[in-house]
Amino acid sequence: MIETQAHFDQAMALFDTANAEDPNQQDGQPKELLYSQRMSDMLARFAPDASEAAQLAVRAQHIRRWTVPRNSYPMTKEGYHAWRTGLYKFHADTAGDLMRQAGYDEAMIERVKKAVGKRGIKVNAESQLLEDIANLVFIEHYMLDFAQSKPEYDEAKWIDIIRRTWSKMSKDAQAFALAGKIKLPEPLIPLITKAISD
């Protein structure tokens, strides 16, 4: 239920305009614009009655991500985690600024920032919903490309990655994936099956 339709439409348009500036292309579109649309599409499939805050947060999940490249942090495991943590705050703050431009009040902005910033996963329903959508989108659209970009990873490494992805998801999201509601990457189905059944 959208209570502030004009604010919602304006914020979504601002998010899309920001992501349309991504110089990286995928399937003929700016990469992060395509990603944000896939996030919204998955939300509509998985949770069609999602809150206004969740709809906004899902669309802003990777907002302007290309402006904070991985190599802006040390190329170490610690650097990777610092980059990810920094991105959560960057995306949340960027979404909040654009929502403010669209006329939202601070209460709604804080709800969206909490979800986009990955705060309270497992206890905050909107944060967990965003996490579910991100993982469902990753499995359906990005896992196979990621696998093909990492030929050095062995089966044990892949089982670990799949299990960690799976463990981030709620029981409802896991059931949704297993019920055939998303398109699993066909070459990885045996690995996915092994990872989640062992």
Protein backbone atom coordinates (compact mmCIF):
# COMPACT_ATOMS: atom_id res chain seq x y z
CA MET A 1 0.00 0.00 0.00
CA ILE A 2 1.52 3.31 -1.12
CA GLU A 3 0.34 6.08 1.21
CA THR A 4 2.31 8.89 -0.44
CA GLN A 5 2.05 8.10 -4.16
CA ALA A 6 3.52 11.39 -5.40
CA HIS A 7 6.53 11.09 -3.08
CA PHE A 8 6.94 7.43 -3.99
CA ASP A 9 6.85 8.07 -7.75
CA GLN A 10 9.31 10.95 -7.40
CA ALA A 11 11.73 8.94 -5.26
CA MET A 12 11.65 5.96 -7.61
CA ALA A 13 12.28 8.28 -10.58
CA LEU A 14 15.22 9.86 -8.75
CA PHE A 15 16.65 6.42 -7.94
CA ASP A 16 16.33 5.38 -11.59
CA THR A 17 17.87 8.61 -12.86
CA ALA A 18 20.82 8.12 -10.51
CA ASN A 19 21.34 4.51 -11.61
CA ALA A 20 20.91 5.39 -15.30
CA GLU A 21 24.22 7.27 -15.03
CA ASP A 22 26.11 3.97 -14.57
CA PRO A 23 28.72 3.85 -17.38
CA ASN A 24 28.86 0.04 -17.13
CA GLN A 25 26.47 -1.73 -19.48
CA GLN A 26 24.73 -5.09 -19.16
CA ASP A 27 22.25 -6.41 -21.71
CA GLY A 28 22.29 -2.99 -23.35
CA GLN A 29 21.31 -1.09 -20.21
CA PRO A 30 23.17 0.71 -17.43
CA LYS A 31 24.17 -2.15 -15.13
CA GLU A 32 22.79 -0.80 -11.84
CA LEU A 33 19.56 0.41 -13.46
CA LEU A 34 18.96 -3.11 -14.74
CA TYR A 35 19.83 -4.55 -11.33
CA SER A 36 17.40 -2.23 -9.53
CA GLN A 37 14.61 -3.16 -11.94
CA ARG A 38 15.32 -6.87 -11.40
CA MET A 39 15.14 -6.26 -7.64
CA SER A 40 11.73 -4.58 -7.95
CA ASP A 41 10.48 -7.32 -10.29
CA MET A 42 11.54 -10.03 -7.83
CA LEU A 43 9.89 -8.19 -4.95
CA ALA A 44 6.63 -8.06 -6.92
CA ARG A 45 6.85 -11.83 -7.42
CA PHE A 46 7.90 -12.77 -3.89
CA ALA A 47 6.09 -10.18 -1.77
CA PRO A 48 3.50 -8.32 -3.88
CA ASP A 49 2.05 -6.67 -0.76
CA ALA A 50 5.43 -5.36 0.47
CA SER A 51 5.47 -2.09 2.38
CA GLU A 52 6.24 1.24 0.77
CA ALA A 53 9.56 1.34 2.64
CA ALA A 54 10.51 -2.12 1.37
CA GLN A 55 9.68 -1.19 -2.22
CA LEU A 56 11.89 1.90 -1.97
CA ALA A 57 14.73 0.04 -0.23
CA VAL A 58 14.77 -2.75 -2.80
CA ARG A 59 15.02 -0.25 -5.66
CA ALA A 60 17.88 1.61 -3.93
CA GLN A 61 19.90 -1.47 -2.88
CA HIS A 62 22.89 -0.77 -5.18
CA ILE A 63 22.29 2.90 -5.90
CA ARG A 64 25.33 4.51 -7.61
CA ARG A 65 27.49 1.53 -6.62
CA TRP A 66 29.96 2.08 -9.48
CA THR A 67 31.12 5.31 -7.83
CA VAL A 68 32.73 3.31 -4.98
CA PRO A 69 34.85 0.72 -6.83
CA ARG A 70 36.29 -2.30 -5.04
CA ASN A 71 39.84 -1.08 -5.68
CA SER A 72 39.16 2.07 -3.64
CA TYR A 73 39.81 -0.17 -0.62
CA PRO A 74 42.79 -2.48 0.07
CA MET A 75 42.64 -5.65 -2.05
CA THR A 76 42.58 -7.91 1.01
CA LYS A 77 39.87 -9.86 2.81
CA GLU A 78 39.69 -7.09 5.42
CA GLY A 79 39.57 -4.49 2.64
CA TYR A 80 36.69 -6.35 1.01
CA HIS A 81 34.67 -6.35 4.22
CA ALA A 82 35.43 -2.66 4.79
CA TRP A 83 34.28 -1.92 1.21
CA ARG A 84 31.02 -3.82 1.73
CA THR A 85 30.34 -2.09 5.05
CA GLY A 86 31.14 1.29 3.51
CA LEU A 87 28.76 0.57 0.63
CA TYR A 88 25.86 -0.18 2.99
CA LYS A 89 26.20 3.30 4.51
CA PHE A 90 26.81 4.95 1.12
CA HIS A 91 23.71 3.38 -0.44
CA ALA A 92 21.57 4.19 2.61
CA ASP A 93 22.73 7.82 2.73
CA THR A 94 22.28 8.25 -1.05
CA ALA A 95 18.76 6.81 -0.91
CA GLY A 96 17.92 9.03 2.06
CA ASP A 97 19.13 12.18 0.29
CA LEU A 98 17.03 11.41 -2.79
CA MET A 99 13.96 10.57 -0.69
CA ARG A 100 14.36 13.92 1.07
CA GLN A 101 14.36 15.61 -2.35
CA ALA A 102 11.13 13.72 -3.13
CA GLY A 103 9.47 15.13 -0.01
CA TYR A 104 9.53 12.13 2.35
CA ASP A 105 9.55 12.66 6.11
CA GLU A 106 12.45 11.54 8.27
CA ALA A 107 10.56 8.56 9.73
CA MET A 108 10.12 6.91 6.33
CA ILE A 109 13.65 7.86 5.28
CA GLU A 110 15.03 6.17 8.40
CA ARG A 111 13.05 2.97 7.68
CA VAL A 112 14.46 2.79 4.17
CA LYS A 113 18.00 3.61 5.31
CA LYS A 114 17.81 0.87 7.93
CA ALA A 115 16.89 -1.73 5.30
CA VAL A 116 19.34 -0.51 2.64
CA GLY A 117 22.07 -0.30 5.29
CA LYS A 118 21.48 -3.98 6.15
CA ARG A 119 20.73 -3.11 9.77
CA GLY A 120 18.80 -5.66 11.81
CA ILE A 121 18.76 -8.52 9.30
CA LYS A 122 16.87 -11.46 10.85
CA VAL A 123 15.08 -9.10 13.27
CA ASN A 124 13.92 -6.16 11.12
CA ALA A 125 11.39 -7.49 8.60
CA GLU A 126 12.20 -4.90 5.90
CA SER A 127 15.96 -5.51 6.17
CA GLN A 128 15.41 -9.27 5.91
CA LEU A 129 13.05 -8.83 2.96
CA LEU A 130 15.68 -6.80 1.09
CA GLU A 131 18.24 -9.52 1.89
CA ASP A 132 15.86 -12.19 0.56
CA ILE A 133 15.27 -10.28 -2.68
CA ALA A 134 19.00 -9.62 -3.19
CA ASN A 135 19.79 -13.31 -2.83
CA LEU A 136 16.93 -14.47 -5.06
CA VAL A 137 18.06 -12.01 -7.74
CA PHE A 138 21.67 -13.16 -7.36
CA ILE A 139 20.68 -16.81 -7.82
CA GLU A 140 18.41 -16.17 -10.82
CA HIS A 141 20.44 -13.55 -12.69
CA TYR A 142 24.04 -13.41 -11.48
CA MET A 143 25.22 -16.66 -9.90
CA LEU A 144 26.09 -18.37 -13.18
CA ASP A 145 28.12 -15.40 -14.47
CA PHE A 146 29.89 -15.23 -11.13
CA ALA A 147 30.69 -18.94 -11.33
CA GLN A 148 32.06 -18.56 -14.86
CA SER A 149 34.26 -15.67 -13.71
CA LYS A 150 35.84 -17.85 -10.98
CA PRO A 151 37.10 -21.00 -12.78
CA GLU A 152 39.67 -21.47 -10.02
CA TYR A 153 36.97 -22.21 -7.40
CA ASP A 154 36.57 -25.92 -6.65
CA GLU A 155 33.39 -27.73 -5.65
CA ALA A 156 34.00 -27.27 -1.92
CA LYS A 157 34.35 -23.50 -2.39
CA TRP A 158 31.13 -23.34 -4.38
CA ILE A 159 29.21 -25.39 -1.84
CA ASP A 160 30.38 -22.96 0.84
CA ILE A 161 29.28 -19.93 -1.25
CA ILE A 162 25.87 -21.45 -1.94
CA ARG A 163 25.35 -22.40 1.71
CA ARG A 164 26.28 -18.90 2.87
CA THR A 165 23.85 -17.38 0.35
CA TRP A 166 21.15 -19.82 1.43
CA SER A 167 21.68 -19.13 5.15
CA LYS A 168 21.07 -15.40 4.62
CA MET A 169 17.58 -16.10 3.31
CA SER A 170 14.39 -16.51 5.31
CA LYS A 171 12.55 -19.83 5.28
CA ASP A 172 9.91 -18.24 3.03
CA ALA A 173 12.53 -17.15 0.48
CA GLN A 174 14.14 -20.60 0.54
CA ALA A 175 10.74 -22.21 -0.05
CA PHE A 176 10.03 -19.75 -2.87
CA ALA A 177 13.29 -20.72 -4.61
CA LEU A 178 12.70 -24.45 -4.15
CA ALA A 179 9.11 -24.21 -5.42
CA GLY A 180 10.35 -23.25 -8.87
CA LYS A 181 9.33 -19.61 -8.51
CA ILE A 182 12.78 -18.47 -9.70
CA LYS A 183 14.89 -19.73 -12.58
CA LEU A 184 17.84 -21.60 -11.12
CA PRO A 185 21.11 -21.48 -13.12
CA GLU A 186 20.88 -24.88 -14.83
CA PRO A 187 24.61 -25.84 -14.81
CA LEU A 188 24.73 -25.16 -11.06
CA ILE A 189 21.58 -27.06 -10.04
CA PRO A 190 23.51 -30.22 -8.99
CA LEU A 191 25.81 -28.09 -6.80
CA ILE A 192 22.91 -26.12 -5.34
CA THR A 193 21.05 -29.35 -4.57
CA LYS A 194 24.10 -30.84 -2.89
CA ALA A 195 24.85 -27.68 -0.92
CA ILE A 196 21.41 -27.30 0.59
CA SER A 197 20.68 -30.98 1.17
CA ASP A 198 23.91 -32.04 2.92
